[in-house]
Amino acid sequence: MKIAELKYTVDIPELVSLSIEGNIITAKGPHGEAKRSWNDPTVSIKTEAKHVILFAKNASKKQKRTMATMQAQIANIVRGVKNNNEYKLKICASHFPMQVALEGNTIVVKNFFGEKVPRKIELPKEVQVKVQGDKITLTCADIEQVGQAASRIEQLCRITNRDRRVFQDGIYLIEKNGKVL
């Protein structure tokens, strides 16, 4: 079943500028810049005043899903460059006193389960990282980069071959954009 003409709109707030070049959408705002690309030639995007309009003629269900995803991604990049995305993680160390340090854009975890070799992970340069006590705060305009950084930090301290109910040491995500998980 085809839909004759399908339209989705996203509002662009003040202080945010949006540009479209080819299949790349770039949003710039007070907290930085974020880009997103799409690869569906049947979906057209244009800007009018303070709105982004996604439209397709004779849209199928697949195109409708694609357009809804694109609408959510554009809304995320607009919200990110306007307000910034902030993720908070908590450091939990019950068996061994774990030290977490920031060296440039590299997170270094020392003494995780008494290991002699520190665990390290490098994060994207766009993500700002703060380590304060037992909290790690990640901020970035691009929601995908901050989410990927948080996921990589959690995976850095992943525990295998142990009972997770007993060995709860690690670094865990506790808050996304002000919403406690």
Protein backbone atom coordinates (compact mmCIF):
# COMPACT_ATOMS: atom_id res chain seq x y z
CA MET A 1 0.00 0.00 0.00
CA LYS A 2 1.38 3.37 -1.02
CA ILE A 3 0.75 6.75 0.56
CA ALA A 4 0.20 9.47 -2.08
CA GLU A 5 2.35 12.11 -0.39
CA LEU A 6 4.01 11.90 3.00
CA LYS A 7 5.44 14.87 4.93
CA TYR A 8 7.31 15.17 8.22
CA THR A 9 8.50 18.45 9.74
CA VAL A 10 11.09 19.36 12.36
CA ASP A 11 11.15 22.81 13.97
CA ILE A 12 14.46 24.66 14.07
CA PRO A 13 14.74 26.80 17.25
CA GLU A 14 16.46 30.17 17.56
CA LEU A 15 20.29 30.13 17.74
CA VAL A 16 20.45 27.01 15.52
CA SER A 17 21.32 27.10 11.82
CA LEU A 18 20.82 24.13 9.54
CA SER A 19 22.34 23.55 6.10
CA ILE A 20 21.84 20.77 3.56
CA GLU A 21 24.57 19.85 1.07
CA GLY A 22 23.93 16.80 -1.05
CA ASN A 23 22.89 14.11 1.42
CA ILE A 24 24.52 15.67 4.50
CA ILE A 25 22.63 17.77 7.05
CA THR A 26 24.77 20.04 9.23
CA ALA A 27 23.43 21.80 12.33
CA LYS A 28 25.37 24.55 14.09
CA GLY A 29 24.45 26.05 17.42
CA PRO A 30 25.84 27.48 20.66
CA HIS A 31 27.26 24.09 21.77
CA GLY A 32 28.93 23.04 18.54
CA GLU A 33 28.22 21.31 15.28
CA ALA A 34 26.65 17.96 14.38
CA LYS A 35 26.27 16.21 11.03
CA ARG A 36 24.05 13.45 9.76
CA SER A 37 23.76 11.84 6.34
CA TRP A 38 21.08 9.77 4.67
CA ASN A 39 21.17 7.51 1.63
CA ASP A 40 17.55 7.15 0.50
CA PRO A 41 17.14 8.92 -2.86
CA THR A 42 13.34 8.75 -2.71
CA VAL A 43 13.18 11.02 0.35
CA SER A 44 13.63 14.74 -0.26
CA ILE A 45 14.64 17.27 2.39
CA LYS A 46 14.31 21.04 2.24
CA THR A 47 14.33 23.93 4.70
CA GLU A 48 11.66 26.60 4.89
CA ALA A 49 11.93 29.48 7.38
CA LYS A 50 12.41 27.68 10.71
CA HIS A 51 11.35 24.19 9.62
CA VAL A 52 12.95 21.19 7.96
CA ILE A 53 10.53 19.31 5.72
CA LEU A 54 10.96 15.68 4.74
CA PHE A 55 8.68 14.50 1.94
CA ALA A 56 8.18 11.61 -0.44
CA LYS A 57 5.63 10.87 -3.15
CA ASN A 58 4.06 7.43 -3.39
CA ALA A 59 5.73 6.43 -0.12
CA SER A 60 5.84 2.80 0.94
CA LYS A 61 5.89 1.54 4.52
CA LYS A 62 9.67 1.26 4.35
CA GLN A 63 10.00 4.89 3.26
CA LYS A 64 7.62 5.93 6.05
CA ARG A 65 9.85 4.19 8.61
CA THR A 66 12.96 5.74 7.06
CA MET A 67 11.41 9.22 7.18
CA ALA A 68 10.37 8.80 10.83
CA THR A 69 13.94 7.73 11.68
CA MET A 70 15.38 10.70 9.79
CA GLN A 71 12.97 13.04 11.58
CA ALA A 72 14.13 11.71 14.97
CA GLN A 73 17.80 12.00 13.98
CA ILE A 74 17.38 15.61 12.80
CA ALA A 75 15.52 16.46 16.02
CA ASN A 76 18.39 14.89 18.02
CA ILE A 77 21.11 16.89 16.27
CA VAL A 78 19.11 20.12 16.61
CA ARG A 79 18.53 19.46 20.33
CA GLY A 80 22.21 18.54 20.80
CA VAL A 81 23.67 21.70 19.27
CA LYS A 82 21.19 23.81 21.21
CA ASN A 83 21.36 22.18 24.69
CA ASN A 84 24.32 19.74 24.54
CA ASN A 85 24.00 16.04 25.39
CA GLU A 86 25.24 14.98 28.82
CA TYR A 87 25.75 11.42 30.03
CA LYS A 88 26.87 10.53 33.57
CA LEU A 89 28.56 7.31 34.62
CA LYS A 90 29.30 5.99 38.11
CA ILE A 91 32.49 4.22 39.15
CA CYS A 92 31.74 1.22 41.39
CA ALA A 93 34.67 -0.50 43.12
CA SER A 94 33.86 -2.83 46.01
CA HIS A 95 36.65 -5.46 45.84
CA PHE A 96 39.70 -3.42 44.85
CA PRO A 97 40.20 0.37 45.02
CA MET A 98 40.00 1.29 41.34
CA GLN A 99 41.54 4.57 40.10
CA VAL A 100 40.15 6.29 37.00
CA ALA A 101 42.21 9.05 35.41
CA LEU A 102 41.94 11.18 32.31
CA GLU A 103 45.06 11.61 30.16
CA GLY A 104 44.19 13.87 27.25
CA ASN A 105 41.19 12.16 25.69
CA THR A 106 42.16 8.73 27.03
CA ILE A 107 40.46 7.14 30.04
CA VAL A 108 42.87 5.04 32.14
CA VAL A 109 41.51 2.55 34.70
CA LYS A 110 44.13 1.29 37.16
CA ASN A 111 43.84 -1.60 39.63
CA PHE A 112 40.59 -2.99 38.18
CA PHE A 113 40.20 -6.31 40.04
CA GLY A 114 43.84 -5.98 41.12
CA GLU A 115 45.19 -6.07 37.56
CA LYS A 116 48.75 -4.82 37.16
CA VAL A 117 48.30 -3.52 33.60
CA PRO A 118 45.97 -0.49 33.36
CA ARG A 119 43.03 -0.59 30.96
CA LYS A 120 42.89 2.30 28.48
CA ILE A 121 40.42 3.59 25.94
CA GLU A 122 40.65 6.59 23.66
CA LEU A 123 37.52 8.70 23.17
CA PRO A 124 36.60 11.02 20.27
CA LYS A 125 38.04 14.54 20.49
CA GLU A 126 34.59 16.13 20.27
CA VAL A 127 33.49 14.53 23.56
CA GLN A 128 34.39 16.50 26.70
CA VAL A 129 35.18 14.22 29.67
CA LYS A 130 35.27 15.14 33.38
CA VAL A 131 36.24 12.72 36.13
CA GLN A 132 35.13 13.93 39.58
CA GLY A 133 35.35 11.48 42.46
CA ASP A 134 33.23 8.46 41.54
CA LYS A 135 31.41 10.20 38.63
CA ILE A 136 32.36 10.56 34.97
CA THR A 137 30.54 13.20 32.93
CA LEU A 138 30.54 13.12 29.12
CA THR A 139 29.21 16.04 27.05
CA CYS A 140 29.00 16.54 23.28
CA ALA A 141 26.69 18.11 20.71
CA ASP A 142 26.39 14.82 18.77
CA ILE A 143 24.25 12.28 20.63
CA GLU A 144 25.79 9.33 18.73
CA GLN A 145 29.34 10.22 19.74
CA VAL A 146 28.53 10.75 23.43
CA GLY A 147 26.51 7.51 23.51
CA GLN A 148 29.31 5.60 21.80
CA ALA A 149 31.86 7.01 24.27
CA ALA A 150 29.70 5.98 27.26
CA SER A 151 29.29 2.50 25.82
CA ARG A 152 33.04 2.11 25.25
CA ILE A 153 33.77 3.16 28.85
CA GLU A 154 31.24 0.59 30.16
CA GLN A 155 32.79 -2.12 27.96
CA LEU A 156 36.27 -1.20 29.20
CA CYS A 157 35.35 -2.55 32.65
CA ARG A 158 33.27 -5.50 31.52
CA ILE A 159 33.47 -8.53 33.82
CA THR A 160 33.54 -12.08 32.42
CA ASN A 161 33.61 -15.48 34.12
CA ARG A 162 32.37 -14.08 37.44
CA ASP A 163 29.00 -13.96 39.16
CA ARG A 164 27.61 -10.48 38.34
CA ARG A 165 25.52 -10.47 41.51
CA VAL A 166 28.66 -10.69 43.66
CA PHE A 167 31.25 -8.87 41.53
CA GLN A 168 29.56 -5.57 40.72
CA ASP A 169 32.75 -3.60 40.10
CA GLY A 170 32.83 -1.48 36.96
CA ILE A 171 31.68 1.78 35.42
CA TYR A 172 27.95 2.08 34.72
CA LEU A 173 25.70 4.60 32.97
CA ILE A 174 23.35 6.24 35.49
CA GLU A 175 21.97 9.33 33.72
CA LYS A 176 21.20 10.46 30.15
CA ASN A 177 20.42 14.14 29.50
CA GLY A 178 19.07 14.64 33.01
CA LYS A 179 16.98 11.44 33.08
CA VAL A 180 18.04 8.97 35.76
CA LEU A 181 18.15 5.38 34.53
